[in-house]
Amino acid sequence: MRFLSRHTVALTLLSPIHIGCGEDFEPTNYLIDAEQKLLYGFDPSRAALSEAFAKKLAELGEK
């Protein structure tokens, strides 16, 4: 038996993970495209809001 061997593994994440680069990834901050095997990062703070929705959100924040 070989001391070291290589295995391919697929993970389904249920909680934030630490990859070892000093960044934590929250499950809601990325999308997985299983067909293309890609991970898309998503920053909710950069989401485009309509003018009306942004105004309503600002009003709710002032209450």
PDB file of N, CA and C in Angstrom:
ATOM      1  N   MET A   1       0.845  -1.176   0.000  1.00  0.00           N
ATOM      2  CA  MET A   1       0.000   0.000   0.000  1.00  0.00           C
ATOM      3  C   MET A   1       0.896   1.246   0.000  1.00  0.00           C
ATOM      4  N   ARG A   2       0.502   2.243  -0.817  1.00  0.00           N
ATOM      5  CA  ARG A   2       1.273   3.474  -0.901  1.00  0.00           C
ATOM      6  C   ARG A   2       1.010   4.336   0.326  1.00  0.00           C
ATOM      7  N   PHE A   3       2.049   5.037   0.778  1.00  0.00           N
ATOM      8  CA  PHE A   3       1.917   5.901   1.949  1.00  0.00           C
ATOM      9  C   PHE A   3       0.996   7.081   1.665  1.00  0.00           C
ATOM     10  N   LEU A   4       1.166   7.737   0.557  1.00  0.00           N
ATOM     11  CA  LEU A   4       0.315   8.857   0.157  1.00  0.00           C
ATOM     12  C   LEU A   4      -0.404   8.505  -1.133  1.00  0.00           C
ATOM     13  N   SER A   5      -1.668   8.814  -1.183  1.00  0.00           N
ATOM     14  CA  SER A   5      -2.410   8.604  -2.422  1.00  0.00           C
ATOM     15  C   SER A   5      -3.339   9.785  -2.637  1.00  0.00           C
ATOM     16  N   ARG A   6      -3.728  10.003  -3.857  1.00  0.00           N
ATOM     17  CA  ARG A   6      -4.555  11.138  -4.225  1.00  0.00           C
ATOM     18  C   ARG A   6      -5.990  10.677  -4.462  1.00  0.00           C
ATOM     19  N   HIS A   7      -6.959  11.454  -3.921  1.00  0.00           N
ATOM     20  CA  HIS A   7      -8.370  11.153  -4.090  1.00  0.00           C
ATOM     21  C   HIS A   7      -9.117  12.415  -4.480  1.00  0.00           C
ATOM     22  N   THR A   8     -10.078  12.298  -5.348  1.00  0.00           N
ATOM     23  CA  THR A   8     -10.942  13.406  -5.715  1.00  0.00           C
ATOM     24  C   THR A   8     -12.198  13.328  -4.877  1.00  0.00           C
ATOM     25  N   VAL A   9     -12.555  14.469  -4.254  1.00  0.00           N
ATOM     26  CA  VAL A   9     -13.695  14.492  -3.342  1.00  0.00           C
ATOM     27  C   VAL A   9     -14.596  15.672  -3.698  1.00  0.00           C
ATOM     28  N   ALA A  10     -15.904  15.481  -3.620  1.00  0.00           N
ATOM     29  CA  ALA A  10     -16.878  16.565  -3.809  1.00  0.00           C
ATOM     30  C   ALA A  10     -17.553  16.815  -2.466  1.00  0.00           C
ATOM     31  N   LEU A  11     -17.633  18.084  -2.071  1.00  0.00           N
ATOM     32  CA  LEU A  11     -18.216  18.440  -0.783  1.00  0.00           C
ATOM     33  C   LEU A  11     -19.478  19.260  -0.971  1.00  0.00           C
ATOM     34  N   THR A  12     -20.477  19.013  -0.146  1.00  0.00           N
ATOM     35  CA  THR A  12     -21.664  19.861  -0.067  1.00  0.00           C
ATOM     36  C   THR A  12     -21.591  20.566   1.280  1.00  0.00           C
ATOM     37  N   LEU A  13     -21.443  21.883   1.244  1.00  0.00           N
ATOM     38  CA  LEU A  13     -21.201  22.653   2.461  1.00  0.00           C
ATOM     39  C   LEU A  13     -22.498  23.013   3.162  1.00  0.00           C
ATOM     40  N   LEU A  14     -22.513  22.854   4.457  1.00  0.00           N
ATOM     41  CA  LEU A  14     -23.677  23.177   5.265  1.00  0.00           C
ATOM     42  C   LEU A  14     -23.400  24.331   6.223  1.00  0.00           C
ATOM     43  N   SER A  15     -22.170  24.792   6.274  1.00  0.00           N
ATOM     44  CA  SER A  15     -21.810  25.881   7.175  1.00  0.00           C
ATOM     45  C   SER A  15     -20.615  26.628   6.581  1.00  0.00           C
ATOM     46  N   PRO A  16     -20.250  27.767   7.154  1.00  0.00           N
ATOM     47  CA  PRO A  16     -19.070  28.489   6.654  1.00  0.00           C
ATOM     48  C   PRO A  16     -17.830  27.599   6.707  1.00  0.00           C
ATOM     49  N   ILE A  17     -16.927  27.824   5.769  1.00  0.00           N
ATOM     50  CA  ILE A  17     -15.701  27.030   5.737  1.00  0.00           C
ATOM     51  C   ILE A  17     -14.490  27.944   5.768  1.00  0.00           C
ATOM     52  N   HIS A  18     -13.389  27.413   6.198  1.00  0.00           N
ATOM     53  CA  HIS A  18     -12.116  28.125   6.168  1.00  0.00           C
ATOM     54  C   HIS A  18     -11.194  27.353   5.243  1.00  0.00           C
ATOM     55  N   ILE A  19     -10.707  28.036   4.217  1.00  0.00           N
ATOM     56  CA  ILE A  19      -9.892  27.364   3.211  1.00  0.00           C
ATOM     57  C   ILE A  19      -8.400  27.441   3.561  1.00  0.00           C
ATOM     58  N   GLY A  20      -8.048  28.287   4.496  1.00  0.00           N
ATOM     59  CA  GLY A  20      -6.647  28.396   4.877  1.00  0.00           C
ATOM     60  C   GLY A  20      -5.979  29.631   4.321  1.00  0.00           C
ATOM     61  N   CYS A  21      -6.750  30.506   3.697  1.00  0.00           N
ATOM     62  CA  CYS A  21      -6.188  31.725   3.133  1.00  0.00           C
ATOM     63  C   CYS A  21      -6.588  32.953   3.956  1.00  0.00           C
ATOM     64  N   GLY A  22      -7.180  32.733   5.119  1.00  0.00           N
ATOM     65  CA  GLY A  22      -7.567  33.838   5.973  1.00  0.00           C
ATOM     66  C   GLY A  22      -8.962  34.364   5.686  1.00  0.00           C
ATOM     67  N   GLU A  23      -9.691  33.743   4.775  1.00  0.00           N
ATOM     68  CA  GLU A  23     -11.040  34.190   4.446  1.00  0.00           C
ATOM     69  C   GLU A  23     -12.053  33.124   4.836  1.00  0.00           C
ATOM     70  N   ASP A  24     -13.198  33.562   5.357  1.00  0.00           N
ATOM     71  CA  ASP A  24     -14.308  32.656   5.637  1.00  0.00           C
ATOM     72  C   ASP A  24     -15.362  32.849   4.570  1.00  0.00           C
ATOM     73  N   PHE A  25     -15.961  31.773   4.120  1.00  0.00           N
ATOM     74  CA  PHE A  25     -16.974  31.833   3.092  1.00  0.00           C
ATOM     75  C   PHE A  25     -18.315  31.417   3.693  1.00  0.00           C
ATOM     76  N   GLU A  26     -19.280  32.322   3.673  1.00  0.00           N
ATOM     77  CA  GLU A  26     -20.624  32.033   4.158  1.00  0.00           C
ATOM     78  C   GLU A  26     -21.407  31.363   3.025  1.00  0.00           C
ATOM     79  N   PRO A  27     -22.271  30.411   3.340  1.00  0.00           N
ATOM     80  CA  PRO A  27     -23.038  29.731   2.284  1.00  0.00           C
ATOM     81  C   PRO A  27     -23.886  30.675   1.437  1.00  0.00           C
ATOM     82  N   THR A  28     -24.319  31.797   2.011  1.00  0.00           N
ATOM     83  CA  THR A  28     -25.159  32.725   1.254  1.00  0.00           C
ATOM     84  C   THR A  28     -24.349  33.669   0.374  1.00  0.00           C
ATOM     85  N   ASN A  29     -23.037  33.605   0.414  1.00  0.00           N
ATOM     86  CA  ASN A  29     -22.210  34.522  -0.357  1.00  0.00           C
ATOM     87  C   ASN A  29     -21.640  33.911  -1.630  1.00  0.00           C
ATOM     88  N   TYR A  30     -22.126  32.761  -2.012  1.00  0.00           N
ATOM     89  CA  TYR A  30     -21.668  32.198  -3.275  1.00  0.00           C
ATOM     90  C   TYR A  30     -22.729  31.290  -3.882  1.00  0.00           C
ATOM     91  N   LEU A  31     -22.604  31.079  -5.167  1.00  0.00           N
ATOM     92  CA  LEU A  31     -23.492  30.186  -5.915  1.00  0.00           C
ATOM     93  C   LEU A  31     -22.639  29.116  -6.577  1.00  0.00           C
ATOM     94  N   ILE A  32     -23.132  27.908  -6.598  1.00  0.00           N
ATOM     95  CA  ILE A  32     -22.412  26.813  -7.235  1.00  0.00           C
ATOM     96  C   ILE A  32     -23.135  26.424  -8.510  1.00  0.00           C
ATOM     97  N   ASP A  33     -22.413  26.425  -9.627  1.00  0.00           N
ATOM     98  CA  ASP A  33     -22.940  25.945 -10.897  1.00  0.00           C
ATOM     99  C   ASP A  33     -22.401  24.532 -11.090  1.00  0.00           C
ATOM    100  N   ALA A  34     -23.218  23.542 -10.748  1.00  0.00           N
ATOM    101  CA  ALA A  34     -22.771  22.153 -10.782  1.00  0.00           C
ATOM    102  C   ALA A  34     -22.440  21.680 -12.197  1.00  0.00           C
ATOM    103  N   GLU A  35     -23.179  22.169 -13.185  1.00  0.00           N
ATOM    104  CA  GLU A  35     -22.934  21.735 -14.564  1.00  0.00           C
ATOM    105  C   GLU A  35     -21.566  22.184 -15.047  1.00  0.00           C
ATOM    106  N   GLN A  36     -21.220  23.444 -14.776  1.00  0.00           N
ATOM    107  CA  GLN A  36     -19.936  23.966 -15.239  1.00  0.00           C
ATOM    108  C   GLN A  36     -18.830  23.808 -14.191  1.00  0.00           C
ATOM    109  N   LYS A  37     -19.207  23.301 -13.011  1.00  0.00           N
ATOM    110  CA  LYS A  37     -18.261  23.098 -11.913  1.00  0.00           C
ATOM    111  C   LYS A  37     -17.543  24.403 -11.564  1.00  0.00           C
ATOM    112  N   LEU A  38     -18.359  25.456 -11.345  1.00  0.00           N
ATOM    113  CA  LEU A  38     -17.820  26.773 -11.011  1.00  0.00           C
ATOM    114  C   LEU A  38     -18.406  27.276  -9.707  1.00  0.00           C
ATOM    115  N   LEU A  39     -17.637  28.074  -9.000  1.00  0.00           N
ATOM    116  CA  LEU A  39     -18.075  28.722  -7.772  1.00  0.00           C
ATOM    117  C   LEU A  39     -18.089  30.219  -8.033  1.00  0.00           C
ATOM    118  N   TYR A  40     -19.274  30.830  -7.920  1.00  0.00           N
ATOM    119  CA  TYR A  40     -19.415  32.260  -8.146  1.00  0.00           C
ATOM    120  C   TYR A  40     -19.520  32.967  -6.813  1.00  0.00           C
ATOM    121  N   GLY A  41     -18.622  33.912  -6.566  1.00  0.00           N
ATOM    122  CA  GLY A  41     -18.693  34.717  -5.362  1.00  0.00           C
ATOM    123  C   GLY A  41     -19.780  35.769  -5.501  1.00  0.00           C
ATOM    124  N   PHE A  42     -20.503  36.038  -4.426  1.00  0.00           N
ATOM    125  CA  PHE A  42     -21.587  37.005  -4.444  1.00  0.00           C
ATOM    126  C   PHE A  42     -21.490  37.852  -3.190  1.00  0.00           C
ATOM    127  N   ASP A  43     -21.402  39.167  -3.367  1.00  0.00           N
ATOM    128  CA  ASP A  43     -21.347  40.097  -2.243  1.00  0.00           C
ATOM    129  C   ASP A  43     -22.689  40.803  -2.156  1.00  0.00           C
ATOM    130  N   PRO A  44     -23.549  40.425  -1.192  1.00  0.00           N
ATOM    131  CA  PRO A  44     -24.876  41.034  -1.094  1.00  0.00           C
ATOM    132  C   PRO A  44     -24.848  42.548  -0.955  1.00  0.00           C
ATOM    133  N   SER A  45     -23.768  43.103  -0.405  1.00  0.00           N
ATOM    134  CA  SER A  45     -23.685  44.555  -0.251  1.00  0.00           C
ATOM    135  C   SER A  45     -23.515  45.275  -1.585  1.00  0.00           C
ATOM    136  N   ARG A  46     -23.184  44.545  -2.636  1.00  0.00           N
ATOM    137  CA  ARG A  46     -23.029  45.146  -3.963  1.00  0.00           C
ATOM    138  C   ARG A  46     -24.219  44.877  -4.888  1.00  0.00           C
ATOM    139  N   ALA A  47     -25.283  44.342  -4.326  1.00  0.00           N
ATOM    140  CA  ALA A  47     -26.464  44.046  -5.134  1.00  0.00           C
ATOM    141  C   ALA A  47     -27.081  45.345  -5.650  1.00  0.00           C
ATOM    142  N   ALA A  48     -27.483  45.349  -6.898  1.00  0.00           N
ATOM    143  CA  ALA A  48     -28.113  46.529  -7.495  1.00  0.00           C
ATOM    144  C   ALA A  48     -29.563  46.626  -7.022  1.00  0.00           C
ATOM    145  N   LEU A  49     -29.930  47.791  -6.506  1.00  0.00           N
ATOM    146  CA  LEU A  49     -31.288  48.012  -6.020  1.00  0.00           C
ATOM    147  C   LEU A  49     -31.966  49.070  -6.879  1.00  0.00           C
ATOM    148  N   SER A  50     -33.261  48.895  -7.086  1.00  0.00           N
ATOM    149  CA  SER A  50     -34.004  49.930  -7.794  1.00  0.00           C
ATOM    150  C   SER A  50     -34.083  51.162  -6.890  1.00  0.00           C
ATOM    151  N   GLU A  51     -34.297  52.311  -7.487  1.00  0.00           N
ATOM    152  CA  GLU A  51     -34.377  53.574  -6.719  1.00  0.00           C
ATOM    153  C   GLU A  51     -35.468  53.495  -5.651  1.00  0.00           C
ATOM    154  N   ALA A  52     -36.635  52.965  -6.007  1.00  0.00           N
ATOM    155  CA  ALA A  52     -37.752  52.883  -5.067  1.00  0.00           C
ATOM    156  C   ALA A  52     -37.424  51.940  -3.905  1.00  0.00           C
ATOM    157  N   PHE A  53     -36.808  50.802  -4.217  1.00  0.00           N
ATOM    158  CA  PHE A  53     -36.470  49.841  -3.171  1.00  0.00           C
ATOM    159  C   PHE A  53     -35.390  50.396  -2.248  1.00  0.00           C
ATOM    160  N   ALA A  54     -34.396  51.066  -2.810  1.00  0.00           N
ATOM    161  CA  ALA A  54     -33.334  51.670  -2.009  1.00  0.00           C
ATOM    162  C   ALA A  54     -33.905  52.722  -1.065  1.00  0.00           C
ATOM    163  N   LYS A  55     -34.872  53.530  -1.563  1.00  0.00           N
ATOM    164  CA  LYS A  55     -35.489  54.546  -0.724  1.00  0.00           C
ATOM    165  C   LYS A  55     -36.278  53.910   0.422  1.00  0.00           C
ATOM    166  N   LYS A  56     -37.040  52.869   0.121  1.00  0.00           N
ATOM    167  CA  LYS A  56     -37.823  52.172   1.138  1.00  0.00           C
ATOM    168  C   LYS A  56     -36.905  51.538   2.188  1.00  0.00           C
ATOM    169  N   LEU A  57     -35.811  50.950   1.744  1.00  0.00           N
ATOM    170  CA  LEU A  57     -34.849  50.331   2.643  1.00  0.00           C
ATOM    171  C   LEU A  57     -34.208  51.391   3.559  1.00  0.00           C
ATOM    172  N   ALA A  58     -33.900  52.545   3.004  1.00  0.00           N
ATOM    173  CA  ALA A  58     -33.338  53.636   3.800  1.00  0.00           C
ATOM    174  C   ALA A  58     -34.334  54.123   4.846  1.00  0.00           C
ATOM    175  N   GLU A  59     -35.610  54.201   4.459  1.00  0.00           N
ATOM    176  CA  GLU A  59     -36.651  54.624   5.394  1.00  0.00           C
ATOM    177  C   GLU A  59     -36.785  53.629   6.551  1.00  0.00           C
ATOM    178  N   LEU A  60     -36.716  52.338   6.256  1.00  0.00           N
ATOM    179  CA  LEU A  60     -36.824  51.318   7.283  1.00  0.00           C
ATOM    180  C   LEU A  60     -35.624  51.372   8.234  1.00  0.00           C
ATOM    181  N   GLY A  61     -34.454  51.737   7.694  1.00  0.00           N
ATOM    182  CA  GLY A  61     -33.267  51.819   8.522  1.00  0.00           C
ATOM    183  C   GLY A  61     -33.293  52.994   9.485  1.00  0.00           C
ATOM    184  N   GLU A  62     -34.095  54.015   9.165  1.00  0.00           N
ATOM    185  CA  GLU A  62     -34.177  55.200  10.020  1.00  0.00           C
ATOM    186  C   GLU A  62     -35.148  54.995  11.178  1.00  0.00           C
ATOM    187  N   LYS A  63     -35.979  53.992  11.126  1.00  0.00           N
ATOM    188  CA  LYS A  63     -36.989  53.766  12.173  1.00  0.00           C
ATOM    189  C   LYS A  63     -36.396  53.179  13.418  1.00  0.00           C
TER     190      LYS A  63
END
